[in-house]
Amino acid sequence: MKSNIYHILRGKFLVSDDSFKNWRVIIFISVLAIVMIASSHNADQKVHDIARLNNEVKEWRSAFVDGRSKLMQLKMESGIVQKMAEKDIVPSPNPPKKIKVKSQ
């Protein structure tokens, strides 16, 4: 048992006669580890991209809601009357009349 541990620590399994099998396994495991690390980094990058895009969606949605509320306030008759009162324009006391054109 002790000699096996010494062989592993000294690297005898890498330079012995049948070491080609050992090298194949080591290279295969190394390639698998590199692929696993690369896929993990790729997944992390996608998670960060998704979080960034979700933040952008929230910002755009809040900007849309803010713009819509401003538009609704600008379209309100009371807001228009106040803006026009600053320029000395008041609404007509008479309601508008509908004009009908009769074709001949």
C-alpha atoms as a PDB file:
ATOM      1  CA  MET A   1       0.000   0.000   0.000  1.00  0.00           C
ATOM      2  CA  LYS A   2       2.815   2.377   0.941  1.00  0.00           C
ATOM      3  CA  SER A   3       4.702   1.661  -2.254  1.00  0.00           C
ATOM      4  CA  ASN A   4       1.614   2.389  -4.368  1.00  0.00           C
ATOM      5  CA  ILE A   5       1.249   5.825  -2.771  1.00  0.00           C
ATOM      6  CA  TYR A   6       4.955   6.533  -3.370  1.00  0.00           C
ATOM      7  CA  HIS A   7       4.588   5.478  -7.018  1.00  0.00           C
ATOM      8  CA  ILE A   8       1.657   7.878  -7.441  1.00  0.00           C
ATOM      9  CA  LEU A   9       3.417  10.767  -5.675  1.00  0.00           C
ATOM     10  CA  ARG A  10       6.632  10.289  -7.672  1.00  0.00           C
ATOM     11  CA  GLY A  11       4.735   9.970 -10.951  1.00  0.00           C
ATOM     12  CA  LYS A  12       5.959   6.484 -11.832  1.00  0.00           C
ATOM     13  CA  PHE A  13       2.574   5.713 -13.404  1.00  0.00           C
ATOM     14  CA  LEU A  14       3.316   8.390 -16.013  1.00  0.00           C
ATOM     15  CA  VAL A  15       6.719   7.074 -17.104  1.00  0.00           C
ATOM     16  CA  SER A  16       6.275   3.305 -16.805  1.00  0.00           C
ATOM     17  CA  ASP A  17       5.912   0.977 -19.821  1.00  0.00           C
ATOM     18  CA  ASP A  18       2.088   0.972 -19.897  1.00  0.00           C
ATOM     19  CA  SER A  19       1.796   4.715 -19.225  1.00  0.00           C
ATOM     20  CA  PHE A  20       0.153   5.375 -22.626  1.00  0.00           C
ATOM     21  CA  LYS A  21      -3.216   4.245 -21.200  1.00  0.00           C
ATOM     22  CA  ASN A  22      -2.740   6.519 -18.219  1.00  0.00           C
ATOM     23  CA  TRP A  23      -1.884   9.500 -20.430  1.00  0.00           C
ATOM     24  CA  ARG A  24      -4.977   8.906 -22.579  1.00  0.00           C
ATOM     25  CA  VAL A  25      -7.209   8.922 -19.510  1.00  0.00           C
ATOM     26  CA  ILE A  26      -5.522  12.042 -18.084  1.00  0.00           C
ATOM     27  CA  ILE A  27      -5.833  13.932 -21.380  1.00  0.00           C
ATOM     28  CA  PHE A  28      -9.461  12.831 -21.765  1.00  0.00           C
ATOM     29  CA  ILE A  29     -10.334  14.001 -18.242  1.00  0.00           C
ATOM     30  CA  SER A  30      -8.479  17.289 -18.846  1.00  0.00           C
ATOM     31  CA  VAL A  31     -10.437  17.921 -22.059  1.00  0.00           C
ATOM     32  CA  LEU A  32     -13.698  17.137 -20.269  1.00  0.00           C
ATOM     33  CA  ALA A  33     -12.768  19.550 -17.467  1.00  0.00           C
ATOM     34  CA  ILE A  34     -11.999  22.311 -19.998  1.00  0.00           C
ATOM     35  CA  VAL A  35     -15.324  21.728 -21.775  1.00  0.00           C
ATOM     36  CA  MET A  36     -17.172  21.788 -18.450  1.00  0.00           C
ATOM     37  CA  ILE A  37     -15.493  25.052 -17.401  1.00  0.00           C
ATOM     38  CA  ALA A  38     -16.240  26.645 -20.775  1.00  0.00           C
ATOM     39  CA  SER A  39     -19.905  25.648 -20.656  1.00  0.00           C
ATOM     40  CA  SER A  40     -20.160  26.959 -17.094  1.00  0.00           C
ATOM     41  CA  HIS A  41     -18.728  30.334 -18.156  1.00  0.00           C
ATOM     42  CA  ASN A  42     -21.112  30.403 -21.111  1.00  0.00           C
ATOM     43  CA  ALA A  43     -24.090  29.711 -18.840  1.00  0.00           C
ATOM     44  CA  ASP A  44     -22.975  32.427 -16.400  1.00  0.00           C
ATOM     45  CA  GLN A  45     -22.664  34.906 -19.272  1.00  0.00           C
ATOM     46  CA  LYS A  46     -26.189  34.069 -20.420  1.00  0.00           C
ATOM     47  CA  VAL A  47     -27.524  34.560 -16.880  1.00  0.00           C
ATOM     48  CA  HIS A  48     -25.884  37.998 -16.732  1.00  0.00           C
ATOM     49  CA  ASP A  49     -27.296  38.899 -20.151  1.00  0.00           C
ATOM     50  CA  ILE A  50     -30.792  37.835 -19.095  1.00  0.00           C
ATOM     51  CA  ALA A  51     -30.569  39.911 -15.906  1.00  0.00           C
ATOM     52  CA  ARG A  52     -29.358  42.944 -17.874  1.00  0.00           C
ATOM     53  CA  LEU A  53     -32.162  42.564 -20.421  1.00  0.00           C
ATOM     54  CA  ASN A  54     -34.755  42.193 -17.647  1.00  0.00           C
ATOM     55  CA  ASN A  55     -33.513  45.446 -16.109  1.00  0.00           C
ATOM     56  CA  GLU A  56     -33.774  47.162 -19.494  1.00  0.00           C
ATOM     57  CA  VAL A  57     -37.338  45.853 -19.929  1.00  0.00           C
ATOM     58  CA  LYS A  58     -38.281  47.226 -16.502  1.00  0.00           C
ATOM     59  CA  GLU A  59     -36.754  50.616 -17.363  1.00  0.00           C
ATOM     60  CA  TRP A  60     -38.549  50.805 -20.711  1.00  0.00           C
ATOM     61  CA  ARG A  61     -41.835  49.719 -19.130  1.00  0.00           C
ATOM     62  CA  SER A  62     -41.577  52.397 -16.429  1.00  0.00           C
ATOM     63  CA  ALA A  63     -40.686  55.011 -19.061  1.00  0.00           C
ATOM     64  CA  PHE A  64     -43.723  53.927 -21.101  1.00  0.00           C
ATOM     65  CA  VAL A  65     -46.059  54.141 -18.100  1.00  0.00           C
ATOM     66  CA  ASP A  66     -44.620  57.542 -17.162  1.00  0.00           C
ATOM     67  CA  GLY A  67     -45.057  58.851 -20.708  1.00  0.00           C
ATOM     68  CA  ARG A  68     -48.585  57.491 -20.902  1.00  0.00           C
ATOM     69  CA  SER A  69     -49.585  59.180 -17.641  1.00  0.00           C
ATOM     70  CA  LYS A  70     -48.069  62.488 -18.803  1.00  0.00           C
ATOM     71  CA  LEU A  71     -49.969  62.192 -22.085  1.00  0.00           C
ATOM     72  CA  MET A  72     -53.238  61.532 -20.263  1.00  0.00           C
ATOM     73  CA  GLN A  73     -52.691  64.623 -18.113  1.00  0.00           C
ATOM     74  CA  LEU A  74     -51.900  66.734 -21.164  1.00  0.00           C
ATOM     75  CA  LYS A  75     -55.045  65.522 -22.939  1.00  0.00           C
ATOM     76  CA  MET A  76     -57.348  66.363 -20.030  1.00  0.00           C
ATOM     77  CA  GLU A  77     -59.610  69.321 -20.673  1.00  0.00           C
ATOM     78  CA  SER A  78     -58.794  70.947 -17.337  1.00  0.00           C
ATOM     79  CA  GLY A  79     -55.077  70.907 -18.158  1.00  0.00           C
ATOM     80  CA  ILE A  80     -55.701  72.402 -21.582  1.00  0.00           C
ATOM     81  CA  VAL A  81     -57.906  75.131 -20.075  1.00  0.00           C
ATOM     82  CA  GLN A  82     -55.170  76.049 -17.584  1.00  0.00           C
ATOM     83  CA  LYS A  83     -52.509  76.227 -20.309  1.00  0.00           C
ATOM     84  CA  MET A  84     -54.736  78.374 -22.508  1.00  0.00           C
ATOM     85  CA  ALA A  85     -55.689  80.651 -19.575  1.00  0.00           C
ATOM     86  CA  GLU A  86     -52.007  81.585 -19.294  1.00  0.00           C
ATOM     87  CA  LYS A  87     -52.205  82.879 -22.875  1.00  0.00           C
ATOM     88  CA  ASP A  88     -55.522  84.667 -22.228  1.00  0.00           C
ATOM     89  CA  ILE A  89     -57.543  82.189 -24.267  1.00  0.00           C
ATOM     90  CA  VAL A  90     -60.726  81.010 -22.580  1.00  0.00           C
ATOM     91  CA  PRO A  91     -63.224  78.379 -23.687  1.00  0.00           C
ATOM     92  CA  SER A  92     -66.324  79.568 -25.465  1.00  0.00           C
ATOM     93  CA  PRO A  93     -69.406  79.973 -23.287  1.00  0.00           C
ATOM     94  CA  ASN A  94     -71.602  78.709 -26.179  1.00  0.00           C
ATOM     95  CA  PRO A  95     -71.387  75.049 -27.039  1.00  0.00           C
ATOM     96  CA  PRO A  96     -70.332  74.265 -30.598  1.00  0.00           C
ATOM     97  CA  LYS A  97     -73.025  73.651 -33.212  1.00  0.00           C
ATOM     98  CA  LYS A  98     -72.918  70.892 -35.736  1.00  0.00           C
ATOM     99  CA  ILE A  99     -72.985  72.022 -39.342  1.00  0.00           C
ATOM    100  CA  LYS A 100     -74.720  69.719 -41.779  1.00  0.00           C
ATOM    101  CA  VAL A 101     -74.050  70.079 -45.475  1.00  0.00           C
ATOM    102  CA  LYS A 102     -76.770  68.794 -47.782  1.00  0.00           C
ATOM    103  CA  SER A 103     -75.538  67.532 -51.079  1.00  0.00           C
ATOM    104  CA  GLN A 104     -77.705  68.306 -54.093  1.00  0.00           C
END
